[in-house]
Amino acid sequence: MRSYPTIIILASAALACAQDLTHRQDDTVPPQAESIYEKGLQYLAKAQNEHGSWNDSTGSEPAAVGLCVAAFLAHGEDPTNGPYAKVMRRGIDYILTQQDASNGYIGSSMYNHAFATKALAEAYGVIDNPKIAPALKKAVELILSAQKRNRLGAWRYTPQSTDADTTVTGCNMVTLFAARNAGIPVPDEAIKKGLAFLAKCRSSEGSYGYTSSFGGKPTLTAIGVLCSSLAKETDTKAYKTSLEYLKKNLDYRERYYPYYYEYYMSQALFHADDDAWREWNARNIRYLSTIQNREGAFPGNQGASFNTAGALLSLALNYRYLPIYEK
């Protein structure tokens, strides 16, 4: 820990920032949202194995573990003495064991790497573990080096990929913003290049496609809108057109990756339009309450840990404990 004096100072600043970002005093967390969230956390705590991961189909992947850890942190849980402290610490320890010491790569894809790195950024300065700082710094460096090698200035499945898509680019972009909030240097040029690629995937009607402007859908558009919001690039016709596209699709349900959509849509609307977020949030609470099972988990083909973490994080804007949720 003593080898990183500058990082320690930055971590302390990040913690202070996080503690200031509680939900606004004039806001009340809907009781139904709190009930859903608490049941979900109880399920995740019970289902975690001794290694810090989960035993379902995707629960051993660093991305799923990272999202689970984030779900606890986003609810304001105490990682030192609280009832879920061991769960969070074991999750972070597991992520650290999955990192390649030589290059900082976590897991076997840039999806895994991004979400795991984001969890490290959110845990940085909050969980007292001297391994987090150097691991986070190395993980961010890998994201940046992968972008430099990519001919499109973005990201896809591996650090060596030369093509890109909006989903992998989006999760790496959000992770870079989270790292910045934690005090890790991220060049402005990296953000600009990522946004430039996303802009190429936006159609004239405002929707975003997967690898081009064709085949746009709300899930991908939510990713694009969120990245523009976090970059504070919202005063453009293109941004406003994309926001209107999302507002026209408040009843949309993602067929293949429902919780991925829930996760991004909540954040995109929260940063963009308070009224639209409140309307969507109310609908989302009602929807999630009907599909959560007795144990607190959520159904789907992506694994109970990923499904549950994604569902809970779509409610996390009701609490606003993480710096990434600051407007």
C-alpha atoms as a PDB file:
ATOM      1  CA  MET A   1       0.000   0.000   0.000  1.00  0.00           C
ATOM      2  CA  ARG A   2       2.856   2.371   0.782  1.00  0.00           C
ATOM      3  CA  SER A   3       4.122   2.104  -2.783  1.00  0.00           C
ATOM      4  CA  TYR A   4       1.102   4.013  -4.052  1.00  0.00           C
ATOM      5  CA  PRO A   5       0.884   7.289  -2.083  1.00  0.00           C
ATOM      6  CA  THR A   6      -0.731   9.252  -4.912  1.00  0.00           C
ATOM      7  CA  ILE A   7      -3.270   6.518  -5.508  1.00  0.00           C
ATOM      8  CA  ILE A   8      -4.169   6.415  -1.819  1.00  0.00           C
ATOM      9  CA  ILE A   9      -4.946  10.123  -1.834  1.00  0.00           C
ATOM     10  CA  LEU A  10      -7.076   9.725  -4.956  1.00  0.00           C
ATOM     11  CA  ALA A  11      -8.864   6.764  -3.418  1.00  0.00           C
ATOM     12  CA  SER A  12      -9.735   8.791  -0.343  1.00  0.00           C
ATOM     13  CA  ALA A  13     -11.157  11.503  -2.580  1.00  0.00           C
ATOM     14  CA  ALA A  14     -13.192   8.920  -4.479  1.00  0.00           C
ATOM     15  CA  LEU A  15     -14.620   7.561  -1.226  1.00  0.00           C
ATOM     16  CA  ALA A  16     -15.584  11.022  -0.034  1.00  0.00           C
ATOM     17  CA  CYS A  17     -17.266  11.655  -3.374  1.00  0.00           C
ATOM     18  CA  ALA A  18     -19.174   8.374  -3.172  1.00  0.00           C
ATOM     19  CA  GLN A  19     -20.380   9.152   0.342  1.00  0.00           C
ATOM     20  CA  ASP A  20     -21.756  12.495  -0.844  1.00  0.00           C
ATOM     21  CA  LEU A  21     -23.804  10.917  -3.614  1.00  0.00           C
ATOM     22  CA  THR A  22     -26.657   9.508  -1.581  1.00  0.00           C
ATOM     23  CA  HIS A  23     -30.140   9.917  -2.988  1.00  0.00           C
ATOM     24  CA  ARG A  24     -31.526  13.415  -2.791  1.00  0.00           C
ATOM     25  CA  GLN A  25     -33.275  14.310   0.426  1.00  0.00           C
ATOM     26  CA  ASP A  26     -36.519  15.161  -1.360  1.00  0.00           C
ATOM     27  CA  ASP A  27     -36.597  11.707  -2.982  1.00  0.00           C
ATOM     28  CA  THR A  28     -38.047   8.649  -1.315  1.00  0.00           C
ATOM     29  CA  VAL A  29     -37.011   5.200  -2.470  1.00  0.00           C
ATOM     30  CA  PRO A  30     -40.221   3.369  -3.443  1.00  0.00           C
ATOM     31  CA  PRO A  31     -40.897   0.635  -0.850  1.00  0.00           C
ATOM     32  CA  GLN A  32     -41.474  -1.921  -3.600  1.00  0.00           C
ATOM     33  CA  ALA A  33     -38.059  -1.143  -5.102  1.00  0.00           C
ATOM     34  CA  GLU A  34     -36.399  -1.582  -1.707  1.00  0.00           C
ATOM     35  CA  SER A  35     -38.182  -4.893  -1.187  1.00  0.00           C
ATOM     36  CA  ILE A  36     -37.047  -6.188  -4.579  1.00  0.00           C
ATOM     37  CA  TYR A  37     -33.501  -5.019  -3.988  1.00  0.00           C
ATOM     38  CA  GLU A  38     -33.137  -6.483  -0.512  1.00  0.00           C
ATOM     39  CA  LYS A  39     -34.521  -9.852  -1.616  1.00  0.00           C
ATOM     40  CA  GLY A  40     -32.098  -9.840  -4.535  1.00  0.00           C
ATOM     41  CA  LEU A  41     -29.103  -9.090  -2.325  1.00  0.00           C
ATOM     42  CA  GLN A  42     -30.115 -11.823   0.086  1.00  0.00           C
ATOM     43  CA  TYR A  43     -30.232 -14.284  -2.789  1.00  0.00           C
ATOM     44  CA  LEU A  44     -26.805 -13.248  -4.103  1.00  0.00           C
ATOM     45  CA  ALA A  45     -25.292 -13.497  -0.630  1.00  0.00           C
ATOM     46  CA  LYS A  46     -26.649 -17.008  -0.067  1.00  0.00           C
ATOM     47  CA  ALA A  47     -25.713 -18.240  -3.538  1.00  0.00           C
ATOM     48  CA  GLN A  48     -22.100 -17.042  -3.560  1.00  0.00           C
ATOM     49  CA  ASN A  49     -19.537 -19.832  -3.234  1.00  0.00           C
ATOM     50  CA  GLU A  50     -16.414 -19.825  -1.056  1.00  0.00           C
ATOM     51  CA  HIS A  51     -14.271 -18.666  -3.969  1.00  0.00           C
ATOM     52  CA  GLY A  52     -16.256 -15.451  -4.367  1.00  0.00           C
ATOM     53  CA  SER A  53     -18.090 -16.387  -7.572  1.00  0.00           C
ATOM     54  CA  TRP A  54     -21.438 -18.062  -8.263  1.00  0.00           C
ATOM     55  CA  ASN A  55     -22.199 -21.591  -9.470  1.00  0.00           C
ATOM     56  CA  ASP A  56     -24.701 -20.831 -12.239  1.00  0.00           C
ATOM     57  CA  SER A  57     -23.987 -20.806 -15.980  1.00  0.00           C
ATOM     58  CA  THR A  58     -22.182 -17.432 -16.039  1.00  0.00           C
ATOM     59  CA  GLY A  59     -21.456 -16.944 -12.335  1.00  0.00           C
ATOM     60  CA  SER A  60     -17.756 -17.754 -12.589  1.00  0.00           C
ATOM     61  CA  GLU A  61     -17.170 -15.090 -15.228  1.00  0.00           C
ATOM     62  CA  PRO A  62     -15.506 -11.930 -13.893  1.00  0.00           C
ATOM     63  CA  ALA A  63     -18.183  -9.768 -15.534  1.00  0.00           C
ATOM     64  CA  ALA A  64     -20.983 -11.436 -13.569  1.00  0.00           C
ATOM     65  CA  VAL A  65     -18.980 -11.261 -10.347  1.00  0.00           C
ATOM     66  CA  GLY A  66     -18.216  -7.594 -10.990  1.00  0.00           C
ATOM     67  CA  LEU A  67     -21.880  -6.770 -11.540  1.00  0.00           C
ATOM     68  CA  CYS A  68     -22.828  -8.631  -8.363  1.00  0.00           C
ATOM     69  CA  VAL A  69     -20.281  -6.669  -6.328  1.00  0.00           C
ATOM     70  CA  ALA A  70     -21.546  -3.448  -7.905  1.00  0.00           C
ATOM     71  CA  ALA A  71     -25.114  -4.327  -6.924  1.00  0.00           C
ATOM     72  CA  PHE A  72     -24.106  -4.379  -3.248  1.00  0.00           C
ATOM     73  CA  LEU A  73     -22.044  -1.192  -3.479  1.00  0.00           C
ATOM     74  CA  ALA A  74     -24.855   0.599  -5.342  1.00  0.00           C
ATOM     75  CA  HIS A  75     -27.188  -0.110  -2.437  1.00  0.00           C
ATOM     76  CA  GLY A  76     -24.777   1.553  -0.023  1.00  0.00           C
ATOM     77  CA  GLU A  77     -23.745  -1.659   1.720  1.00  0.00           C
ATOM     78  CA  ASP A  78     -20.784  -1.426   4.093  1.00  0.00           C
ATOM     79  CA  PRO A  79     -17.893  -3.554   2.761  1.00  0.00           C
ATOM     80  CA  THR A  80     -16.097  -3.433   6.111  1.00  0.00           C
ATOM     81  CA  ASN A  81     -18.586  -4.327   8.832  1.00  0.00           C
ATOM     82  CA  GLY A  82     -21.964  -4.692   7.146  1.00  0.00           C
ATOM     83  CA  PRO A  83     -23.977  -7.904   6.698  1.00  0.00           C
ATOM     84  CA  TYR A  84     -22.706  -8.276   3.137  1.00  0.00           C
ATOM     85  CA  ALA A  85     -19.092  -7.260   3.754  1.00  0.00           C
ATOM     86  CA  LYS A  86     -17.701 -10.751   3.203  1.00  0.00           C
ATOM     87  CA  VAL A  87     -19.688 -11.168   0.006  1.00  0.00           C
ATOM     88  CA  MET A  88     -18.244  -8.004  -1.522  1.00  0.00           C
ATOM     89  CA  ARG A  89     -14.701  -8.677  -0.380  1.00  0.00           C
ATOM     90  CA  ARG A  90     -14.781 -12.257  -1.637  1.00  0.00           C
ATOM     91  CA  GLY A  91     -16.101 -11.035  -4.982  1.00  0.00           C
ATOM     92  CA  ILE A  92     -13.278  -8.517  -5.368  1.00  0.00           C
ATOM     93  CA  ASP A  93     -10.725 -11.131  -4.298  1.00  0.00           C
ATOM     94  CA  TYR A  94     -12.074 -13.471  -6.966  1.00  0.00           C
ATOM     95  CA  ILE A  95     -11.767 -10.793  -9.658  1.00  0.00           C
ATOM     96  CA  LEU A  96      -8.168 -10.148  -8.611  1.00  0.00           C
ATOM     97  CA  THR A  97      -7.339 -13.861  -8.996  1.00  0.00           C
ATOM     98  CA  GLN A  98      -8.661 -13.757 -12.552  1.00  0.00           C
ATOM     99  CA  GLN A  99      -6.295 -11.001 -13.665  1.00  0.00           C
ATOM    100  CA  ASP A 100      -3.267 -11.854 -15.808  1.00  0.00           C
ATOM    101  CA  ALA A 101      -0.336 -10.440 -13.863  1.00  0.00           C
ATOM    102  CA  SER A 102       1.684  -9.823 -17.029  1.00  0.00           C
ATOM    103  CA  ASN A 103      -0.748  -7.594 -18.922  1.00  0.00           C
ATOM    104  CA  GLY A 104      -3.665  -6.821 -16.563  1.00  0.00           C
ATOM    105  CA  TYR A 105      -6.267  -8.709 -18.602  1.00  0.00           C
ATOM    106  CA  ILE A 106      -9.219  -9.999 -16.551  1.00  0.00           C
ATOM    107  CA  GLY A 107     -11.096 -13.015 -17.857  1.00  0.00           C
ATOM    108  CA  SER A 108     -11.336 -14.177 -21.453  1.00  0.00           C
ATOM    109  CA  SER A 109     -13.116 -11.311 -23.208  1.00  0.00           C
ATOM    110  CA  MET A 110     -13.276  -7.539 -23.183  1.00  0.00           C
ATOM    111  CA  TYR A 111     -16.816  -7.852 -21.801  1.00  0.00           C
ATOM    112  CA  ASN A 112     -15.449  -9.631 -18.762  1.00  0.00           C
ATOM    113  CA  HIS A 113     -12.512  -7.289 -18.511  1.00  0.00           C
ATOM    114  CA  ALA A 114     -14.658  -4.142 -18.667  1.00  0.00           C
ATOM    115  CA  PHE A 115     -17.264  -5.092 -16.076  1.00  0.00           C
ATOM    116  CA  ALA A 116     -14.643  -6.551 -13.741  1.00  0.00           C
ATOM    117  CA  THR A 117     -12.521  -3.408 -14.063  1.00  0.00           C
ATOM    118  CA  LYS A 118     -15.574  -1.247 -13.393  1.00  0.00           C
ATOM    119  CA  ALA A 119     -16.155  -3.183 -10.155  1.00  0.00           C
ATOM    120  CA  LEU A 120     -12.550  -2.544  -9.128  1.00  0.00           C
ATOM    121  CA  ALA A 121     -13.028   1.174  -9.836  1.00  0.00           C
ATOM    122  CA  GLU A 122     -16.194   1.263  -7.724  1.00  0.00           C
ATOM    123  CA  ALA A 123     -14.518  -0.670  -4.911  1.00  0.00           C
ATOM    124  CA  TYR A 124     -11.400   1.510  -5.043  1.00  0.00           C
ATOM    125  CA  GLY A 125     -11.118   3.613  -1.895  1.00  0.00           C
ATOM    126  CA  VAL A 126     -14.129   1.832  -0.390  1.00  0.00           C
ATOM    127  CA  ILE A 127     -12.760  -1.668   0.171  1.00  0.00           C
ATOM    128  CA  ASP A 128      -9.470  -1.733   2.060  1.00  0.00           C
ATOM    129  CA  ASN A 129      -7.417  -4.060  -0.121  1.00  0.00           C
ATOM    130  CA  PRO A 130      -3.917  -2.962  -1.219  1.00  0.00           C
ATOM    131  CA  LYS A 131      -4.176  -5.135  -4.343  1.00  0.00           C
ATOM    132  CA  ILE A 132      -7.045  -3.140  -5.848  1.00  0.00           C
ATOM    133  CA  ALA A 133      -5.072  -0.009  -6.777  1.00  0.00           C
ATOM    134  CA  PRO A 134      -2.318  -1.647  -8.873  1.00  0.00           C
ATOM    135  CA  ALA A 135      -4.797  -4.108 -10.417  1.00  0.00           C
ATOM    136  CA  LEU A 136      -7.163  -1.297 -11.420  1.00  0.00           C
ATOM    137  CA  LYS A 137      -4.380   0.792 -12.886  1.00  0.00           C
ATOM    138  CA  LYS A 138      -3.117  -2.136 -14.956  1.00  0.00           C
ATOM    139  CA  ALA A 139      -6.627  -3.060 -16.091  1.00  0.00           C
ATOM    140  CA  VAL A 140      -7.295   0.488 -17.306  1.00  0.00           C
ATOM    141  CA  GLU A 141      -3.973   0.521 -19.144  1.00  0.00           C
ATOM    142  CA  LEU A 142      -5.050  -2.618 -21.011  1.00  0.00           C
ATOM    143  CA  ILE A 143      -8.333  -0.977 -22.075  1.00  0.00           C
ATOM    144  CA  LEU A 144      -6.420   2.014 -23.402  1.00  0.00           C
ATOM    145  CA  SER A 145      -3.789  -0.076 -25.188  1.00  0.00           C
ATOM    146  CA  ALA A 146      -6.492  -2.234 -26.799  1.00  0.00           C
ATOM    147  CA  GLN A 147      -8.154   0.906 -28.141  1.00  0.00           C
ATOM    148  CA  LYS A 148      -4.877   2.172 -29.583  1.00  0.00           C
ATOM    149  CA  ARG A 149      -4.428  -1.086 -31.506  1.00  0.00           C
ATOM    150  CA  ASN A 150      -7.985  -0.994 -32.827  1.00  0.00           C
ATOM    151  CA  ARG A 151      -8.288   0.603 -36.279  1.00  0.00           C
ATOM    152  CA  LEU A 152     -11.721   2.011 -35.334  1.00  0.00           C
ATOM    153  CA  GLY A 153     -10.567   3.497 -32.042  1.00  0.00           C
ATOM    154  CA  ALA A 154     -13.000   1.324 -30.108  1.00  0.00           C
ATOM    155  CA  TRP A 155     -13.277  -2.228 -28.723  1.00  0.00           C
ATOM    156  CA  ARG A 156     -14.575  -5.712 -29.453  1.00  0.00           C
ATOM    157  CA  TYR A 157     -14.054  -9.200 -28.037  1.00  0.00           C
ATOM    158  CA  THR A 158     -10.315  -9.308 -27.371  1.00  0.00           C
ATOM    159  CA  PRO A 159      -7.528  -6.792 -26.691  1.00  0.00           C
ATOM    160  CA  GLN A 160      -6.209  -7.614 -30.165  1.00  0.00           C
ATOM    161  CA  SER A 161      -9.494  -7.020 -32.033  1.00  0.00           C
ATOM    162  CA  THR A 162      -9.319  -4.618 -34.967  1.00  0.00           C
ATOM    163  CA  ASP A 163     -13.093  -4.349 -35.423  1.00  0.00           C
ATOM    164  CA  ALA A 164     -15.626  -3.007 -32.921  1.00  0.00           C
ATOM    165  CA  ASP A 165     -19.262  -3.038 -31.811  1.00  0.00           C
ATOM    166  CA  THR A 166     -21.444  -0.800 -29.676  1.00  0.00           C
ATOM    167  CA  THR A 167     -21.930  -3.245 -26.785  1.00  0.00           C
ATOM    168  CA  VAL A 168     -18.268  -3.961 -26.057  1.00  0.00           C
ATOM    169  CA  THR A 169     -17.329  -0.356 -26.778  1.00  0.00           C
ATOM    170  CA  GLY A 170     -20.090   0.900 -24.486  1.00  0.00           C
ATOM    171  CA  CYS A 171     -19.087  -1.191 -21.481  1.00  0.00           C
ATOM    172  CA  ASN A 172     -15.433  -0.206 -21.870  1.00  0.00           C
ATOM    173  CA  MET A 173     -16.371   3.461 -22.220  1.00  0.00           C
ATOM    174  CA  VAL A 174     -18.502   3.390 -19.058  1.00  0.00           C
ATOM    175  CA  THR A 175     -15.637   1.662 -17.279  1.00  0.00           C
ATOM    176  CA  LEU A 176     -13.251   4.435 -18.297  1.00  0.00           C
ATOM    177  CA  PHE A 177     -15.658   6.997 -16.830  1.00  0.00           C
ATOM    178  CA  ALA A 178     -15.832   4.979 -13.604  1.00  0.00           C
ATOM    179  CA  ALA A 179     -12.036   4.837 -13.506  1.00  0.00           C
ATOM    180  CA  ARG A 180     -11.867   8.609 -13.964  1.00  0.00           C
ATOM    181  CA  ASN A 181     -14.261   9.048 -11.065  1.00  0.00           C
ATOM    182  CA  ALA A 182     -11.903   6.913  -8.979  1.00  0.00           C
ATOM    183  CA  GLY A 183      -8.983   9.182  -9.842  1.00  0.00           C
ATOM    184  CA  ILE A 184      -7.303   7.034 -12.498  1.00  0.00           C
ATOM    185  CA  PRO A 185      -5.997   9.116 -15.444  1.00  0.00           C
ATOM    186  CA  VAL A 186      -7.925   8.576 -18.685  1.00  0.00           C
ATOM    187  CA  PRO A 187      -6.880  10.638 -21.737  1.00  0.00           C
ATOM    188  CA  ASP A 188      -9.569  12.821 -23.302  1.00  0.00           C
ATOM    189  CA  GLU A 189      -8.512  11.427 -26.668  1.00  0.00           C
ATOM    190  CA  ALA A 190      -9.612   7.937 -25.630  1.00  0.00           C
ATOM    191  CA  ILE A 191     -13.095   9.219 -24.816  1.00  0.00           C
ATOM    192  CA  LYS A 192     -13.300  11.180 -28.069  1.00  0.00           C
ATOM    193  CA  LYS A 193     -12.315   8.185 -30.188  1.00  0.00           C
ATOM    194  CA  GLY A 194     -14.840   5.942 -28.476  1.00  0.00           C
ATOM    195  CA  LEU A 195     -17.614   8.492 -28.972  1.00  0.00           C
ATOM    196  CA  ALA A 196     -16.627   8.909 -32.618  1.00  0.00           C
ATOM    197  CA  PHE A 197     -17.077   5.194 -33.236  1.00  0.00           C
ATOM    198  CA  LEU A 198     -20.449   5.178 -31.476  1.00  0.00           C
ATOM    199  CA  ALA A 199     -21.548   8.159 -33.583  1.00  0.00           C
ATOM    200  CA  LYS A 200     -20.891   6.115 -36.725  1.00  0.00           C
ATOM    201  CA  CYS A 201     -23.377   3.548 -35.427  1.00  0.00           C
ATOM    202  CA  ARG A 202     -26.166   6.104 -34.961  1.00  0.00           C
ATOM    203  CA  SER A 203     -28.878   6.396 -37.613  1.00  0.00           C
ATOM    204  CA  SER A 204     -30.692   9.547 -38.705  1.00  0.00           C
ATOM    205  CA  GLU A 205     -33.695   8.475 -36.619  1.00  0.00           C
ATOM    206  CA  GLY A 206     -31.504   8.367 -33.505  1.00  0.00           C
ATOM    207  CA  SER A 207     -31.204   4.617 -33.003  1.00  0.00           C
ATOM    208  CA  TYR A 208     -27.837   2.869 -32.652  1.00  0.00           C
ATOM    209  CA  GLY A 209     -26.918  -0.336 -34.472  1.00  0.00           C
ATOM    210  CA  TYR A 210     -24.518  -3.085 -33.481  1.00  0.00           C
ATOM    211  CA  THR A 211     -21.567  -2.451 -35.791  1.00  0.00           C
ATOM    212  CA  SER A 212     -23.070   0.238 -38.035  1.00  0.00           C
ATOM    213  CA  SER A 213     -26.078   2.536 -38.211  1.00  0.00           C
ATOM    214  CA  PHE A 214     -28.289  -0.274 -39.509  1.00  0.00           C
ATOM    215  CA  GLY A 215     -30.513  -2.473 -37.353  1.00  0.00           C
ATOM    216  CA  GLY A 216     -30.859  -0.052 -34.474  1.00  0.00           C
ATOM    217  CA  LYS A 217     -32.606  -1.069 -31.258  1.00  0.00           C
ATOM    218  CA  PRO A 218     -33.321   0.501 -27.858  1.00  0.00           C
ATOM    219  CA  THR A 219     -30.696  -1.516 -25.972  1.00  0.00           C
ATOM    220  CA  LEU A 220     -27.881  -0.283 -28.199  1.00  0.00           C
ATOM    221  CA  THR A 221     -29.308   3.240 -28.263  1.00  0.00           C
ATOM    222  CA  ALA A 222     -29.361   3.342 -24.464  1.00  0.00           C
ATOM    223  CA  ILE A 223     -25.649   2.507 -24.481  1.00  0.00           C
ATOM    224  CA  GLY A 224     -24.902   5.310 -26.922  1.00  0.00           C
ATOM    225  CA  VAL A 225     -27.011   7.869 -25.063  1.00  0.00           C
ATOM    226  CA  LEU A 226     -25.412   6.948 -21.731  1.00  0.00           C
ATOM    227  CA  CYS A 227     -21.881   7.345 -23.082  1.00  0.00           C
ATOM    228  CA  SER A 228     -22.722  10.772 -24.523  1.00  0.00           C
ATOM    229  CA  SER A 229     -24.299  11.801 -21.215  1.00  0.00           C
ATOM    230  CA  LEU A 230     -21.266  10.719 -19.180  1.00  0.00           C
ATOM    231  CA  ALA A 231     -19.052  12.658 -21.604  1.00  0.00           C
ATOM    232  CA  LYS A 232     -21.290  15.725 -21.113  1.00  0.00           C
ATOM    233  CA  GLU A 233     -21.932  15.856 -24.864  1.00  0.00           C
ATOM    234  CA  THR A 234     -25.666  16.362 -24.771  1.00  0.00           C
ATOM    235  CA  ASP A 235     -26.234  19.682 -26.506  1.00  0.00           C
ATOM    236  CA  THR A 236     -26.495  18.272 -30.015  1.00  0.00           C
ATOM    237  CA  LYS A 237     -29.342  17.478 -32.368  1.00  0.00           C
ATOM    238  CA  ALA A 238     -28.108  13.901 -32.699  1.00  0.00           C
ATOM    239  CA  TYR A 239     -28.204  13.324 -28.939  1.00  0.00           C
ATOM    240  CA  LYS A 240     -31.691  14.781 -28.612  1.00  0.00           C
ATOM    241  CA  THR A 241     -32.919  12.643 -31.529  1.00  0.00           C
ATOM    242  CA  SER A 242     -31.577   9.507 -29.837  1.00  0.00           C
ATOM    243  CA  LEU A 243     -33.193  10.488 -26.550  1.00  0.00           C
ATOM    244  CA  GLU A 244     -36.538  10.946 -28.279  1.00  0.00           C
ATOM    245  CA  TYR A 245     -36.104   7.478 -29.804  1.00  0.00           C
ATOM    246  CA  LEU A 246     -35.654   6.010 -26.313  1.00  0.00           C
ATOM    247  CA  LYS A 247     -38.637   7.909 -24.930  1.00  0.00           C
ATOM    248  CA  LYS A 248     -40.798   6.419 -27.684  1.00  0.00           C
ATOM    249  CA  ASN A 249     -39.734   2.945 -26.617  1.00  0.00           C
ATOM    250  CA  LEU A 250     -40.400   2.961 -22.866  1.00  0.00           C
ATOM    251  CA  ASP A 251     -42.432  -0.240 -23.206  1.00  0.00           C
ATOM    252  CA  TYR A 252     -39.687  -2.092 -25.081  1.00  0.00           C
ATOM    253  CA  ARG A 253     -38.490  -5.434 -23.671  1.00  0.00           C
ATOM    254  CA  GLU A 254     -35.214  -6.995 -24.793  1.00  0.00           C
ATOM    255  CA  ARG A 255     -35.807 -10.603 -25.833  1.00  0.00           C
ATOM    256  CA  TYR A 256     -32.304 -12.045 -25.669  1.00  0.00           C
ATOM    257  CA  TYR A 257     -30.479  -9.929 -23.077  1.00  0.00           C
ATOM    258  CA  PRO A 258     -33.263  -8.399 -20.953  1.00  0.00           C
ATOM    259  CA  TYR A 259     -31.179  -7.386 -17.950  1.00  0.00           C
ATOM    260  CA  TYR A 260     -28.443  -5.899 -20.102  1.00  0.00           C
ATOM    261  CA  TYR A 261     -31.152  -3.631 -21.499  1.00  0.00           C
ATOM    262  CA  GLU A 262     -32.590  -2.857 -18.054  1.00  0.00           C
ATOM    263  CA  TYR A 263     -29.125  -1.960 -16.793  1.00  0.00           C
ATOM    264  CA  TYR A 264     -28.379   0.536 -19.572  1.00  0.00           C
ATOM    265  CA  MET A 265     -31.855   1.970 -20.100  1.00  0.00           C
ATOM    266  CA  SER A 266     -32.177   3.041 -16.476  1.00  0.00           C
ATOM    267  CA  GLN A 267     -28.854   4.879 -16.561  1.00  0.00           C
ATOM    268  CA  ALA A 268     -29.419   6.461 -19.976  1.00  0.00           C
ATOM    269  CA  LEU A 269     -32.789   7.929 -19.030  1.00  0.00           C
ATOM    270  CA  PHE A 270     -31.645   8.998 -15.568  1.00  0.00           C
ATOM    271  CA  HIS A 271     -28.805  11.093 -16.974  1.00  0.00           C
ATOM    272  CA  ALA A 272     -30.877  12.436 -19.863  1.00  0.00           C
ATOM    273  CA  ASP A 273     -34.433  13.177 -18.740  1.00  0.00           C
ATOM    274  CA  ASP A 274     -35.692  13.083 -15.168  1.00  0.00           C
ATOM    275  CA  ASP A 275     -39.370  12.783 -16.070  1.00  0.00           C
ATOM    276  CA  ALA A 276     -38.752   9.989 -18.566  1.00  0.00           C
ATOM    277  CA  TRP A 277     -36.609   8.132 -16.022  1.00  0.00           C
ATOM    278  CA  ARG A 278     -39.273   8.423 -13.328  1.00  0.00           C
ATOM    279  CA  GLU A 279     -41.926   7.054 -15.672  1.00  0.00           C
ATOM    280  CA  TRP A 280     -39.663   4.211 -16.815  1.00  0.00           C
ATOM    281  CA  ASN A 281     -38.515   3.526 -13.258  1.00  0.00           C
ATOM    282  CA  ALA A 282     -42.100   3.095 -12.039  1.00  0.00           C
ATOM    283  CA  ARG A 283     -42.821   0.694 -14.884  1.00  0.00           C
ATOM    284  CA  ASN A 284     -39.592  -1.178 -14.253  1.00  0.00           C
ATOM    285  CA  ILE A 285     -40.357  -1.631 -10.555  1.00  0.00           C
ATOM    286  CA  ARG A 286     -43.772  -3.072 -11.374  1.00  0.00           C
ATOM    287  CA  TYR A 287     -42.284  -5.365 -14.018  1.00  0.00           C
ATOM    288  CA  LEU A 288     -39.452  -6.683 -11.858  1.00  0.00           C
ATOM    289  CA  SER A 289     -41.810  -7.327  -8.960  1.00  0.00           C
ATOM    290  CA  THR A 290     -43.785  -9.750 -11.131  1.00  0.00           C
ATOM    291  CA  ILE A 291     -40.813 -11.867 -12.266  1.00  0.00           C
ATOM    292  CA  GLN A 292     -38.601 -12.077  -9.164  1.00  0.00           C
ATOM    293  CA  ASN A 293     -38.847 -15.542  -7.622  1.00  0.00           C
ATOM    294  CA  ARG A 294     -39.302 -16.399  -3.947  1.00  0.00           C
ATOM    295  CA  GLU A 295     -35.567 -16.758  -3.390  1.00  0.00           C
ATOM    296  CA  GLY A 296     -34.990 -13.260  -4.786  1.00  0.00           C
ATOM    297  CA  ALA A 297     -33.422 -14.294  -8.101  1.00  0.00           C
ATOM    298  CA  PHE A 298     -34.521 -13.338 -11.612  1.00  0.00           C
ATOM    299  CA  PRO A 299     -35.177 -15.759 -14.488  1.00  0.00           C
ATOM    300  CA  GLY A 300     -33.388 -15.866 -17.824  1.00  0.00           C
ATOM    301  CA  ASN A 301     -30.764 -17.699 -19.848  1.00  0.00           C
ATOM    302  CA  GLN A 302     -27.750 -15.671 -18.718  1.00  0.00           C
ATOM    303  CA  GLY A 303     -27.419 -17.224 -15.260  1.00  0.00           C
ATOM    304  CA  ALA A 304     -29.147 -16.261 -12.019  1.00  0.00           C
ATOM    305  CA  SER A 305     -26.249 -14.153 -10.703  1.00  0.00           C
ATOM    306  CA  PHE A 306     -25.954 -12.029 -13.853  1.00  0.00           C
ATOM    307  CA  ASN A 307     -29.741 -11.745 -14.189  1.00  0.00           C
ATOM    308  CA  THR A 308     -30.196 -10.708 -10.570  1.00  0.00           C
ATOM    309  CA  ALA A 309     -27.315  -8.233 -10.535  1.00  0.00           C
ATOM    310  CA  GLY A 310     -28.523  -6.624 -13.770  1.00  0.00           C
ATOM    311  CA  ALA A 311     -32.074  -6.320 -12.473  1.00  0.00           C
ATOM    312  CA  LEU A 312     -30.944  -4.786  -9.186  1.00  0.00           C
ATOM    313  CA  LEU A 313     -28.596  -2.333 -10.878  1.00  0.00           C
ATOM    314  CA  SER A 314     -31.498  -1.117 -13.015  1.00  0.00           C
ATOM    315  CA  LEU A 315     -33.032  -0.009  -9.697  1.00  0.00           C
ATOM    316  CA  ALA A 316     -29.804   1.471  -8.313  1.00  0.00           C
ATOM    317  CA  LEU A 317     -30.590   4.976  -9.570  1.00  0.00           C
ATOM    318  CA  ASN A 318     -33.151   5.124  -6.778  1.00  0.00           C
ATOM    319  CA  TYR A 319     -30.207   5.137  -4.322  1.00  0.00           C
ATOM    320  CA  ARG A 320     -27.331   6.888  -6.175  1.00  0.00           C
ATOM    321  CA  TYR A 321     -24.455   5.823  -3.990  1.00  0.00           C
ATOM    322  CA  LEU A 322     -21.950   5.285  -6.814  1.00  0.00           C
ATOM    323  CA  PRO A 323     -20.132   8.266  -8.374  1.00  0.00           C
ATOM    324  CA  ILE A 324     -21.027   7.020 -11.881  1.00  0.00           C
ATOM    325  CA  TYR A 325     -24.643   7.924 -11.041  1.00  0.00           C
ATOM    326  CA  GLU A 326     -23.826  11.596 -10.511  1.00  0.00           C
ATOM    327  CA  LYS A 327     -25.470  13.851 -13.051  1.00  0.00           C
END
